[in-house]
C-alpha atoms as a PDB file:
ATOM      1  CA  MET A   1      -5.850 -23.655 -32.208  1.00  0.00           C
ATOM      2  CA  ASN A   2      -7.475 -21.012 -34.340  1.00  0.00           C
ATOM      3  CA  CYS A   3      -5.100 -21.053 -37.522  1.00  0.00           C
ATOM      4  CA  ARG A   4      -5.336 -17.301 -38.190  1.00  0.00           C
ATOM      5  CA  THR A   5      -4.272 -16.458 -34.456  1.00  0.00           C
ATOM      6  CA  GLY A   6      -1.378 -17.678 -32.554  1.00  0.00           C
ATOM      7  CA  PRO A   7       2.297 -17.229 -32.283  1.00  0.00           C
ATOM      8  CA  LEU A   8       4.172 -16.167 -35.433  1.00  0.00           C
ATOM      9  CA  VAL A   9       6.183 -18.659 -37.142  1.00  0.00           C
ATOM     10  CA  SER A  10       9.172 -17.840 -39.557  1.00  0.00           C
ATOM     11  CA  ILE A  11       9.799 -19.985 -42.317  1.00  0.00           C
ATOM     12  CA  ILE A  12      13.115 -20.178 -43.929  1.00  0.00           C
ATOM     13  CA  ILE A  13      13.454 -21.347 -47.594  1.00  0.00           C
ATOM     14  CA  PRO A  14      17.010 -21.344 -48.898  1.00  0.00           C
ATOM     15  CA  CYS A  15      17.313 -21.777 -52.689  1.00  0.00           C
ATOM     16  CA  TYR A  16      20.125 -22.241 -55.176  1.00  0.00           C
ATOM     17  CA  ASN A  17      19.380 -23.190 -58.787  1.00  0.00           C
ATOM     18  CA  VAL A  18      16.117 -24.949 -58.086  1.00  0.00           C
ATOM     19  CA  ALA A  19      13.884 -23.215 -60.625  1.00  0.00           C
ATOM     20  CA  GLY A  20      12.189 -26.435 -61.492  1.00  0.00           C
ATOM     21  CA  PHE A  21      11.079 -27.209 -57.893  1.00  0.00           C
ATOM     22  CA  VAL A  22      10.826 -24.129 -55.877  1.00  0.00           C
ATOM     23  CA  GLU A  23       7.335 -23.140 -56.679  1.00  0.00           C
ATOM     24  CA  LYS A  24       5.876 -26.510 -55.230  1.00  0.00           C
ATOM     25  CA  ALA A  25       8.094 -25.866 -52.263  1.00  0.00           C
ATOM     26  CA  ILE A  26       6.743 -22.550 -51.871  1.00  0.00           C
ATOM     27  CA  ASN A  27       3.090 -23.283 -52.503  1.00  0.00           C
ATOM     28  CA  SER A  28       3.450 -26.160 -49.868  1.00  0.00           C
ATOM     29  CA  ILE A  29       4.143 -23.531 -47.312  1.00  0.00           C
ATOM     30  CA  LEU A  30       1.319 -20.772 -48.583  1.00  0.00           C
ATOM     31  CA  SER A  31      -1.057 -23.706 -48.305  1.00  0.00           C
ATOM     32  CA  GLN A  32      -0.508 -24.342 -44.562  1.00  0.00           C
ATOM     33  CA  THR A  33      -3.401 -24.591 -42.397  1.00  0.00           C
ATOM     34  CA  TYR A  34      -1.678 -22.262 -39.941  1.00  0.00           C
ATOM     35  CA  TYR A  35      -1.555 -18.818 -41.405  1.00  0.00           C
ATOM     36  CA  GLU A  36       0.490 -16.757 -39.064  1.00  0.00           C
ATOM     37  CA  LEU A  37       3.642 -17.244 -40.974  1.00  0.00           C
ATOM     38  CA  GLU A  38       6.434 -15.082 -42.193  1.00  0.00           C
ATOM     39  CA  ILE A  39       8.108 -16.777 -45.023  1.00  0.00           C
ATOM     40  CA  TRP A  40      11.705 -15.718 -45.689  1.00  0.00           C
ATOM     41  CA  ILE A  41      12.900 -17.121 -49.318  1.00  0.00           C
ATOM     42  CA  ILE A  42      16.507 -16.841 -49.730  1.00  0.00           C
ATOM     43  CA  ASP A  43      18.090 -16.819 -53.282  1.00  0.00           C
ATOM     44  CA  ASP A  44      21.662 -17.829 -52.649  1.00  0.00           C
ATOM     45  CA  GLY A  45      23.262 -16.721 -55.664  1.00  0.00           C
ATOM     46  CA  SER A  46      21.425 -19.044 -58.169  1.00  0.00           C
ATOM     47  CA  THR A  47      22.634 -18.798 -61.719  1.00  0.00           C
ATOM     48  CA  ASP A  48      19.239 -20.058 -63.181  1.00  0.00           C
ATOM     49  CA  ASP A  49      15.723 -18.182 -63.099  1.00  0.00           C
ATOM     50  CA  THR A  50      15.110 -19.307 -59.384  1.00  0.00           C
ATOM     51  CA  LEU A  51      14.995 -15.790 -58.284  1.00  0.00           C
ATOM     52  CA  GLU A  52      12.411 -14.748 -61.174  1.00  0.00           C
ATOM     53  CA  LYS A  53      10.287 -17.747 -59.914  1.00  0.00           C
ATOM     54  CA  ILE A  54      10.485 -16.626 -56.192  1.00  0.00           C
ATOM     55  CA  LYS A  55       9.514 -12.998 -57.109  1.00  0.00           C
ATOM     56  CA  ALA A  56       6.344 -14.272 -59.082  1.00  0.00           C
ATOM     57  CA  PHE A  57       4.696 -14.846 -55.814  1.00  0.00           C
ATOM     58  CA  LYS A  58       2.301 -12.451 -54.547  1.00  0.00           C
ATOM     59  CA  ASP A  59       1.692 -12.792 -50.598  1.00  0.00           C
ATOM     60  CA  ASP A  60       2.224 -10.421 -47.680  1.00  0.00           C
ATOM     61  CA  ARG A  61       3.859 -12.939 -45.859  1.00  0.00           C
ATOM     62  CA  ILE A  62       6.675 -13.590 -48.200  1.00  0.00           C
ATOM     63  CA  LYS A  63      10.084 -11.782 -47.609  1.00  0.00           C
ATOM     64  CA  VAL A  64      12.535 -12.303 -50.385  1.00  0.00           C
ATOM     65  CA  VAL A  65      16.400 -11.978 -49.701  1.00  0.00           C
ATOM     66  CA  SER A  66      18.793 -12.513 -52.588  1.00  0.00           C
ATOM     67  CA  PHE A  67      22.639 -13.056 -52.551  1.00  0.00           C
ATOM     68  CA  LYS A  68      24.871 -12.090 -55.540  1.00  0.00           C
ATOM     69  CA  LYS A  69      27.598 -14.859 -54.525  1.00  0.00           C
ATOM     70  CA  ASN A  70      26.526 -18.308 -53.184  1.00  0.00           C
ATOM     71  CA  THR A  71      27.229 -18.902 -49.711  1.00  0.00           C
ATOM     72  CA  LYS A  72      26.660 -22.630 -49.338  1.00  0.00           C
ATOM     73  CA  LYS A  73      23.635 -21.948 -47.405  1.00  0.00           C
ATOM     74  CA  VAL A  74      25.130 -21.488 -44.163  1.00  0.00           C
ATOM     75  CA  GLY A  75      26.045 -17.792 -44.595  1.00  0.00           C
ATOM     76  CA  ALA A  76      22.804 -16.753 -46.154  1.00  0.00           C
ATOM     77  CA  VAL A  77      20.493 -18.572 -43.603  1.00  0.00           C
ATOM     78  CA  ASN A  78      22.486 -17.261 -40.963  1.00  0.00           C
ATOM     79  CA  GLU A  79      22.043 -13.620 -41.994  1.00  0.00           C
ATOM     80  CA  VAL A  80      18.288 -14.272 -42.139  1.00  0.00           C
ATOM     81  CA  LEU A  81      18.276 -15.811 -38.933  1.00  0.00           C
ATOM     82  CA  LYS A  82      19.438 -12.392 -37.349  1.00  0.00           C
ATOM     83  CA  LYS A  83      16.334 -10.755 -38.890  1.00  0.00           C
ATOM     84  CA  VAL A  84      13.432 -13.310 -38.001  1.00  0.00           C
ATOM     85  CA  ASN A  85      10.633 -12.111 -36.006  1.00  0.00           C
ATOM     86  CA  GLY A  86       8.839 -15.601 -35.296  1.00  0.00           C
ATOM     87  CA  GLN A  87       8.613 -17.235 -31.798  1.00  0.00           C
ATOM     88  CA  TYR A  88       9.356 -20.388 -33.471  1.00  0.00           C
ATOM     89  CA  ILE A  89      11.443 -20.952 -36.720  1.00  0.00           C
ATOM     90  CA  ALA A  90      10.841 -23.864 -39.164  1.00  0.00           C
ATOM     91  CA  PHE A  91      12.696 -24.701 -42.424  1.00  0.00           C
ATOM     92  CA  GLN A  92      11.733 -25.841 -46.004  1.00  0.00           C
ATOM     93  CA  ASP A  93      14.219 -27.019 -48.440  1.00  0.00           C
ATOM     94  CA  ALA A  94      13.431 -25.618 -51.828  1.00  0.00           C
ATOM     95  CA  ASP A  95      13.265 -29.143 -53.590  1.00  0.00           C
ATOM     96  CA  ASP A  96      10.927 -30.700 -50.871  1.00  0.00           C
ATOM     97  CA  TRP A  97       7.312 -29.934 -49.919  1.00  0.00           C
ATOM     98  CA  SER A  98       5.474 -29.956 -46.741  1.00  0.00           C
ATOM     99  CA  GLU A  99       1.989 -31.531 -45.902  1.00  0.00           C
ATOM    100  CA  PRO A 100      -0.727 -28.548 -45.425  1.00  0.00           C
ATOM    101  CA  GLU A 101      -0.993 -29.303 -41.574  1.00  0.00           C
ATOM    102  CA  ARG A 102       2.819 -29.701 -40.756  1.00  0.00           C
ATOM    103  CA  ILE A 103       3.339 -26.279 -39.283  1.00  0.00           C
ATOM    104  CA  GLU A 104      -0.107 -26.593 -37.153  1.00  0.00           C
ATOM    105  CA  VAL A 105       0.727 -29.972 -35.844  1.00  0.00           C
ATOM    106  CA  GLN A 106       4.472 -28.919 -34.713  1.00  0.00           C
ATOM    107  CA  LEU A 107       3.240 -25.759 -33.132  1.00  0.00           C
ATOM    108  CA  LYS A 108       0.922 -27.606 -30.924  1.00  0.00           C
ATOM    109  CA  GLU A 109       3.920 -29.572 -29.433  1.00  0.00           C
ATOM    110  CA  PHE A 110       5.570 -26.337 -28.475  1.00  0.00           C
ATOM    111  CA  THR A 111       2.306 -25.068 -26.623  1.00  0.00           C
ATOM    112  CA  LYS A 112       1.925 -28.330 -24.877  1.00  0.00           C
ATOM    113  CA  ASP A 113       5.706 -28.374 -23.535  1.00  0.00           C
ATOM    114  CA  ALA A 114       7.385 -25.159 -22.398  1.00  0.00           C
ATOM    115  CA  ALA A 115      10.728 -27.028 -22.374  1.00  0.00           C
ATOM    116  CA  LEU A 116      10.629 -28.156 -25.904  1.00  0.00           C
ATOM    117  CA  GLY A 117      13.452 -26.546 -27.818  1.00  0.00           C
ATOM    118  CA  ILE A 118      13.178 -28.534 -31.466  1.00  0.00           C
ATOM    119  CA  CYS A 119      10.560 -30.574 -33.058  1.00  0.00           C
ATOM    120  CA  PHE A 120      10.962 -32.860 -35.918  1.00  0.00           C
ATOM    121  CA  THR A 121       8.449 -34.769 -38.140  1.00  0.00           C
ATOM    122  CA  ASN A 122       8.393 -38.118 -39.898  1.00  0.00           C
ATOM    123  CA  TYR A 123       8.743 -38.133 -43.666  1.00  0.00           C
ATOM    124  CA  ARG A 124       8.777 -40.052 -46.906  1.00  0.00           C
ATOM    125  CA  TYR A 125      11.690 -40.400 -49.591  1.00  0.00           C
ATOM    126  CA  VAL A 126      10.406 -39.050 -53.172  1.00  0.00           C
ATOM    127  CA  GLY A 127      12.516 -39.795 -56.102  1.00  0.00           C
ATOM    128  CA  LYS A 128      12.070 -42.349 -58.843  1.00  0.00           C
ATOM    129  CA  LYS A 129       9.727 -44.092 -56.370  1.00  0.00           C
ATOM    130  CA  THR A 130       8.415 -43.024 -53.051  1.00  0.00           C
ATOM    131  CA  ILE A 131       9.644 -44.843 -49.884  1.00  0.00           C
ATOM    132  CA  ALA A 132       8.025 -44.507 -46.647  1.00  0.00           C
ATOM    133  CA  SER A 133      10.691 -44.043 -43.921  1.00  0.00           C
ATOM    134  CA  CYS A 134      12.003 -46.845 -41.740  1.00  0.00           C
ATOM    135  CA  LYS A 135      12.209 -46.509 -37.922  1.00  0.00           C
ATOM    136  CA  ILE A 136      13.497 -43.102 -36.736  1.00  0.00           C
ATOM    137  CA  ALA A 137      14.260 -41.553 -33.408  1.00  0.00           C
ATOM    138  CA  LEU A 138      11.050 -40.175 -31.812  1.00  0.00           C
ATOM    139  CA  THR A 139      11.618 -39.284 -28.079  1.00  0.00           C
ATOM    140  CA  ASN A 140      14.013 -36.919 -26.523  1.00  0.00           C
ATOM    141  CA  GLU A 141      16.371 -39.699 -25.486  1.00  0.00           C
ATOM    142  CA  GLU A 142      16.475 -41.373 -28.789  1.00  0.00           C
ATOM    143  CA  LEU A 143      17.232 -38.019 -30.400  1.00  0.00           C
ATOM    144  CA  ARG A 144      19.929 -37.191 -27.883  1.00  0.00           C
ATOM    145  CA  ASN A 145      21.285 -40.439 -28.832  1.00  0.00           C
ATOM    146  CA  GLU A 146      21.283 -40.039 -32.339  1.00  0.00           C
ATOM    147  CA  PHE A 147      22.933 -36.646 -32.346  1.00  0.00           C
ATOM    148  CA  LEU A 148      24.905 -36.149 -29.154  1.00  0.00           C
ATOM    149  CA  HIS A 149      26.491 -39.818 -29.847  1.00  0.00           C
ATOM    150  CA  TYR A 150      26.607 -39.010 -33.573  1.00  0.00           C
ATOM    151  CA  THR A 151      27.736 -41.890 -35.855  1.00  0.00           C
ATOM    152  CA  TYR A 152      27.217 -41.909 -39.442  1.00  0.00           C
ATOM    153  CA  LYS A 153      26.806 -45.890 -39.436  1.00  0.00           C
ATOM    154  CA  ARG A 154      23.191 -46.559 -38.848  1.00  0.00           C
ATOM    155  CA  GLN A 155      21.694 -49.855 -37.718  1.00  0.00           C
ATOM    156  CA  PRO A 156      19.839 -51.890 -40.436  1.00  0.00           C
ATOM    157  CA  GLY A 157      16.161 -51.177 -40.670  1.00  0.00           C
ATOM    158  CA  THR A 158      16.655 -47.459 -39.111  1.00  0.00           C
ATOM    159  CA  ALA A 159      16.569 -44.140 -40.742  1.00  0.00           C
ATOM    160  CA  PRO A 160      18.145 -40.802 -40.062  1.00  0.00           C
ATOM    161  CA  THR A 161      16.337 -37.680 -38.760  1.00  0.00           C
ATOM    162  CA  ILE A 162      15.570 -35.458 -41.689  1.00  0.00           C
ATOM    163  CA  CYS A 163      16.914 -32.078 -40.432  1.00  0.00           C
ATOM    164  CA  ALA A 164      14.760 -30.126 -42.789  1.00  0.00           C
ATOM    165  CA  THR A 165      11.667 -31.250 -40.848  1.00  0.00           C
ATOM    166  CA  MET A 166      12.785 -29.326 -37.748  1.00  0.00           C
ATOM    167  CA  MET A 167      10.965 -26.458 -36.121  1.00  0.00           C
ATOM    168  CA  ILE A 168      12.879 -24.803 -33.100  1.00  0.00           C
ATOM    169  CA  SER A 169      12.027 -22.259 -30.526  1.00  0.00           C
ATOM    170  CA  LYS A 170      13.406 -18.702 -30.565  1.00  0.00           C
ATOM    171  CA  ALA A 171      15.036 -19.522 -27.335  1.00  0.00           C
ATOM    172  CA  SER A 172      17.015 -22.385 -28.700  1.00  0.00           C
ATOM    173  CA  LEU A 173      18.056 -20.052 -31.563  1.00  0.00           C
ATOM    174  CA  ASP A 174      19.207 -17.387 -29.456  1.00  0.00           C
ATOM    175  CA  LYS A 175      21.289 -19.925 -27.320  1.00  0.00           C
ATOM    176  CA  THR A 176      23.050 -21.504 -30.299  1.00  0.00           C
ATOM    177  CA  GLY A 177      23.090 -18.788 -32.801  1.00  0.00           C
ATOM    178  CA  GLY A 178      22.431 -20.787 -36.053  1.00  0.00           C
ATOM    179  CA  TYR A 179      24.989 -22.818 -38.164  1.00  0.00           C
ATOM    180  CA  ASN A 180      28.771 -22.736 -37.462  1.00  0.00           C
ATOM    181  CA  PRO A 181      30.223 -20.996 -40.657  1.00  0.00           C
ATOM    182  CA  TYR A 182      32.956 -23.641 -40.549  1.00  0.00           C
ATOM    183  CA  PHE A 183      30.416 -26.377 -42.047  1.00  0.00           C
ATOM    184  CA  ALA A 184      29.558 -24.256 -45.157  1.00  0.00           C
ATOM    185  CA  GLY A 185      29.754 -26.721 -47.990  1.00  0.00           C
ATOM    186  CA  ARG A 186      30.501 -29.616 -45.705  1.00  0.00           C
ATOM    187  CA  VAL A 187      26.927 -30.986 -45.700  1.00  0.00           C
ATOM    188  CA  ALA A 188      26.944 -31.781 -41.986  1.00  0.00           C
ATOM    189  CA  GLU A 189      25.876 -28.228 -41.011  1.00  0.00           C
ATOM    190  CA  ASP A 190      22.314 -29.093 -39.930  1.00  0.00           C
ATOM    191  CA  ILE A 191      23.453 -31.993 -37.879  1.00  0.00           C
ATOM    192  CA  GLN A 192      25.971 -29.897 -35.896  1.00  0.00           C
ATOM    193  CA  TRP A 193      23.476 -27.269 -35.195  1.00  0.00           C
ATOM    194  CA  ILE A 194      20.995 -29.682 -34.063  1.00  0.00           C
ATOM    195  CA  TYR A 195      23.694 -31.357 -31.841  1.00  0.00           C
ATOM    196  CA  ARG A 196      24.275 -28.004 -29.960  1.00  0.00           C
ATOM    197  CA  ILE A 197      20.491 -27.393 -29.592  1.00  0.00           C
ATOM    198  CA  LEU A 198      19.988 -30.898 -28.035  1.00  0.00           C
ATOM    199  CA  LYS A 199      22.695 -30.333 -25.728  1.00  0.00           C
ATOM    200  CA  GLU A 200      20.662 -27.557 -24.181  1.00  0.00           C
ATOM    201  CA  PHE A 201      16.934 -28.284 -25.178  1.00  0.00           C
ATOM    202  CA  LYS A 202      14.342 -31.124 -25.071  1.00  0.00           C
ATOM    203  CA  GLY A 203      13.646 -32.472 -28.736  1.00  0.00           C
ATOM    204  CA  ILE A 204      10.802 -34.780 -30.151  1.00  0.00           C
ATOM    205  CA  THR A 205       9.648 -36.285 -33.512  1.00  0.00           C
ATOM    206  CA  ILE A 206       6.101 -36.301 -34.309  1.00  0.00           C
ATOM    207  CA  ASP A 207       5.473 -39.857 -35.865  1.00  0.00           C
ATOM    208  CA  LYS A 208       3.333 -38.567 -38.685  1.00  0.00           C
ATOM    209  CA  VAL A 209       4.537 -38.164 -42.397  1.00  0.00           C
ATOM    210  CA  LEU A 210       4.377 -34.149 -42.836  1.00  0.00           C
ATOM    211  CA  TYR A 211       7.425 -33.898 -45.104  1.00  0.00           C
ATOM    212  CA  ASN A 212       8.244 -34.961 -48.688  1.00  0.00           C
ATOM    213  CA  TYR A 213      11.832 -35.467 -48.944  1.00  0.00           C
ATOM    214  CA  SER A 214      13.214 -35.392 -52.421  1.00  0.00           C
ATOM    215  CA  VAL A 215      16.078 -37.536 -53.692  1.00  0.00           C
ATOM    216  CA  ARG A 216      17.223 -36.271 -57.081  1.00  0.00           C
ATOM    217  CA  ALA A 217      20.208 -35.829 -59.397  1.00  0.00           C
ATOM    218  CA  GLY A 218      21.995 -32.578 -58.686  1.00  0.00           C
ATOM    219  CA  SER A 219      20.639 -31.943 -55.273  1.00  0.00           C
ATOM    220  CA  LEU A 220      23.372 -31.311 -52.547  1.00  0.00           C
ATOM    221  CA  THR A 221      22.702 -34.608 -51.041  1.00  0.00           C
ATOM    222  CA  GLU A 222      23.398 -36.465 -54.244  1.00  0.00           C
ATOM    223  CA  ILE A 223      26.466 -34.366 -54.960  1.00  0.00           C
ATOM    224  CA  SER A 224      27.606 -35.246 -51.474  1.00  0.00           C
ATOM    225  CA  SER A 225      26.998 -38.874 -51.678  1.00  0.00           C
ATOM    226  CA  THR A 226      28.743 -39.308 -55.177  1.00  0.00           C
ATOM    227  CA  GLY A 227      31.935 -37.533 -53.905  1.00  0.00           C
ATOM    228  CA  ARG A 228      31.853 -34.568 -56.228  1.00  0.00           C
ATOM    229  CA  ASN A 229      32.284 -32.137 -53.388  1.00  0.00           C
ATOM    230  CA  VAL A 230      35.644 -33.230 -51.901  1.00  0.00           C
ATOM    231  CA  LYS A 231      35.095 -31.778 -48.549  1.00  0.00           C
ATOM    232  CA  SER A 232      31.875 -33.313 -48.104  1.00  0.00           C
ATOM    233  CA  SER A 233      33.304 -36.658 -48.856  1.00  0.00           C
ATOM    234  CA  TYR A 234      34.749 -36.893 -45.136  1.00  0.00           C
ATOM    235  CA  SER A 235      32.342 -34.361 -43.523  1.00  0.00           C
ATOM    236  CA  VAL A 236      30.426 -36.877 -41.552  1.00  0.00           C
ATOM    237  CA  GLN A 237      33.650 -38.753 -40.259  1.00  0.00           C
ATOM    238  CA  LEU A 238      34.884 -35.342 -39.317  1.00  0.00           C
ATOM    239  CA  LEU A 239      31.724 -34.310 -37.451  1.00  0.00           C
ATOM    240  CA  SER A 240      31.514 -37.418 -35.554  1.00  0.00           C
ATOM    241  CA  LYS A 241      35.165 -36.884 -34.245  1.00  0.00           C
ATOM    242  CA  ILE A 242      34.287 -33.334 -33.513  1.00  0.00           C
ATOM    243  CA  ILE A 243      31.273 -34.225 -31.399  1.00  0.00           C
ATOM    244  CA  LYS A 244      33.263 -36.989 -29.620  1.00  0.00           C
ATOM    245  CA  LYS A 245      35.820 -34.455 -28.603  1.00  0.00           C
ATOM    246  CA  ASP A 246      33.229 -32.278 -27.165  1.00  0.00           C
ATOM    247  CA  ILE A 247      31.180 -34.784 -25.450  1.00  0.00           C
ATOM    248  CA  GLN A 248      34.193 -36.877 -24.033  1.00  0.00           C
ATOM    249  CA  GLU A 249      36.742 -34.540 -23.423  1.00  0.00           C
ATOM    250  CA  GLY A 250      35.124 -30.974 -23.166  1.00  0.00           C
ATOM    251  CA  ILE A 251      37.036 -29.643 -26.155  1.00  0.00           C
ATOM    252  CA  ASP A 252      35.378 -27.355 -28.563  1.00  0.00           C
ATOM    253  CA  ILE A 253      37.626 -28.218 -31.365  1.00  0.00           C
ATOM    254  CA  LEU A 254      35.979 -25.466 -33.539  1.00  0.00           C
ATOM    255  CA  SER A 255      37.494 -22.594 -31.270  1.00  0.00           C
ATOM    256  CA  PRO A 256      40.067 -20.547 -33.060  1.00  0.00           C
ATOM    257  CA  GLU A 257      42.788 -21.632 -30.425  1.00  0.00           C
ATOM    258  CA  ASN A 258      42.297 -25.251 -31.422  1.00  0.00           C
ATOM    259  CA  ALA A 259      43.018 -24.733 -35.107  1.00  0.00           C
ATOM    260  CA  SER A 260      46.012 -26.887 -35.277  1.00  0.00           C
ATOM    261  CA  GLU A 261      44.409 -29.563 -33.723  1.00  0.00           C
ATOM    262  CA  LEU A 262      41.307 -29.383 -36.069  1.00  0.00           C
ATOM    263  CA  LYS A 263      43.669 -29.559 -39.068  1.00  0.00           C
ATOM    264  CA  LEU A 264      44.757 -33.195 -37.435  1.00  0.00           C
ATOM    265  CA  LEU A 265      41.294 -34.153 -36.960  1.00  0.00           C
ATOM    266  CA  GLU A 266      40.546 -33.179 -40.628  1.00  0.00           C
ATOM    267  CA  LEU A 267      43.324 -35.397 -41.805  1.00  0.00           C
ATOM    268  CA  GLU A 268      41.962 -38.250 -39.627  1.00  0.00           C
ATOM    269  CA  ALA A 269      38.678 -38.105 -40.998  1.00  0.00           C
ATOM    270  CA  CYS A 270      39.868 -38.022 -44.604  1.00  0.00           C
ATOM    271  CA  GLU A 271      41.874 -41.065 -43.869  1.00  0.00           C
ATOM    272  CA  ASP A 272      38.986 -42.857 -42.384  1.00  0.00           C
ATOM    273  CA  ALA A 273      36.674 -41.949 -45.281  1.00  0.00           C
ATOM    274  CA  LEU A 274      39.482 -43.258 -47.747  1.00  0.00           C
ATOM    275  CA  ALA A 275      39.969 -46.486 -45.854  1.00  0.00           C
ATOM    276  CA  GLU A 276      36.075 -46.971 -45.924  1.00  0.00           C
ATOM    277  CA  SER A 277      35.872 -46.453 -49.473  1.00  0.00           C
ATOM    278  CA  ILE A 278      38.757 -49.172 -50.332  1.00  0.00           C
ATOM    279  CA  HIS A 279      37.139 -51.468 -47.847  1.00  0.00           C
ATOM    280  CA  ALA A 280      33.641 -51.026 -49.696  1.00  0.00           C
ATOM    281  CA  LEU A 281      35.149 -51.519 -53.054  1.00  0.00           C
ATOM    282  CA  ASN A 282      36.965 -54.472 -52.226  1.00  0.00           C
ATOM    283  CA  GLU A 283      33.596 -56.079 -50.697  1.00  0.00           C
ATOM    284  CA  THR A 284      32.055 -55.074 -53.844  1.00  0.00           C
ATOM    285  CA  LYS A 285      34.809 -56.737 -55.978  1.00  0.00           C
ATOM    286  CA  ALA A 286      34.633 -59.993 -53.929  1.00  0.00           C
ATOM    287  CA  LEU A 287      30.912 -60.180 -54.333  1.00  0.00           C
ATOM    288  CA  TYR A 288      31.207 -59.642 -58.153  1.00  0.00           C
ATOM    289  CA  LYS A 289      33.770 -62.440 -58.372  1.00  0.00           C
ATOM    290  CA  GLY A 290      31.624 -64.704 -56.424  1.00  0.00           C
ATOM    291  CA  SER A 291      28.696 -63.801 -58.903  1.00  0.00           C
ATOM    292  CA  MET A 292      27.342 -66.238 -61.520  1.00  0.00           C
ATOM    293  CA  SER A 293      27.747 -63.555 -64.166  1.00  0.00           C
ATOM    294  CA  PHE A 294      31.416 -63.110 -63.318  1.00  0.00           C
ATOM    295  CA  LYS A 295      31.863 -67.065 -63.366  1.00  0.00           C
ATOM    296  CA  LEU A 296      30.109 -67.438 -66.683  1.00  0.00           C
ATOM    297  CA  GLY A 297      32.312 -64.640 -68.134  1.00  0.00           C
ATOM    298  CA  GLN A 298      35.357 -66.340 -67.069  1.00  0.00           C
ATOM    299  CA  PHE A 299      34.107 -69.625 -68.650  1.00  0.00           C
ATOM    300  CA  ILE A 300      33.368 -67.781 -71.725  1.00  0.00           C
ATOM    301  CA  LEU A 301      36.972 -66.123 -71.852  1.00  0.00           C
ATOM    302  CA  ARG A 302      38.972 -69.302 -70.987  1.00  0.00           C
ATOM    303  CA  PRO A 303      39.101 -70.701 -74.372  1.00  0.00           C
ATOM    304  CA  LEU A 304      40.342 -67.270 -75.820  1.00  0.00           C
ATOM    305  CA  GLN A 305      43.076 -66.985 -73.090  1.00  0.00           C
ATOM    306  CA  LEU A 306      44.361 -70.341 -73.967  1.00  0.00           C
ATOM    307  CA  LEU A 307      44.665 -69.321 -77.566  1.00  0.00           C
ATOM    308  CA  LYS A 308      46.409 -66.057 -76.834  1.00  0.00           C
ATOM    309  CA  ARG A 309      49.047 -68.087 -74.900  1.00  0.00           C
ATOM    310  CA  ARG A 310      49.888 -70.352 -77.857  1.00  0.00           C
END
């Protein structure tokens, strides 16, 4: 493939308060071996100098869109998805970065298979230390099993598909329409959209590390995993129930006419998340009580407890 000729690929980079990271993310896209790109950089109501960092880039392929109020990513990205011109659409998180050949390699898969609707890549975790990915879903069958029978509980030795690595066809975008607004702020928006794409189109994962996934304090992933976002604390449990309703009962629980049933499902998901947290806490407590450090502490404190009783 001549990297300066070929189908246009739209890259979407949503940004929110990522001034310390966004330059590396953008540079990784500007440095791609495939040149025919339009790069949509979204400032989703940042309160730091993210927008200034974005505007400092001078490249005719860049299109900057800014929002005064934060839309939790979903609203902003959906607005841009209405404007993209590419035959294919890819994504780049603003605190991650791509390897130079990522877009070229993914695009080749679409040119080989007209039925392909979505393509992921392998990745590495980057944080305090770099961690290579474990076993991930590679084939269409494996991806459908991961997303169409979604469960947030993973088998040991396996890792999730990283949604930010995806490239999709314009046909899959036209069919699914982007993110469901319901998931704004719930962290499962990517999974729910991919689920809808894989219901209709073929998917694959390229088993090559072409994406660097940042694990850092203050990221949306970190906020979700620590429970600082209340809605996100039960989002994965809720999404599992929503998908199960659709697959097993043919019920689109997110339709307006099912609002009452959705509320009940939210309550069930919240209860499940609470029960799982209590179970995990009890397991941790039991492990600690069985540890040598706990037993040593009890041995040291015992004489003091006896004196107190006197």
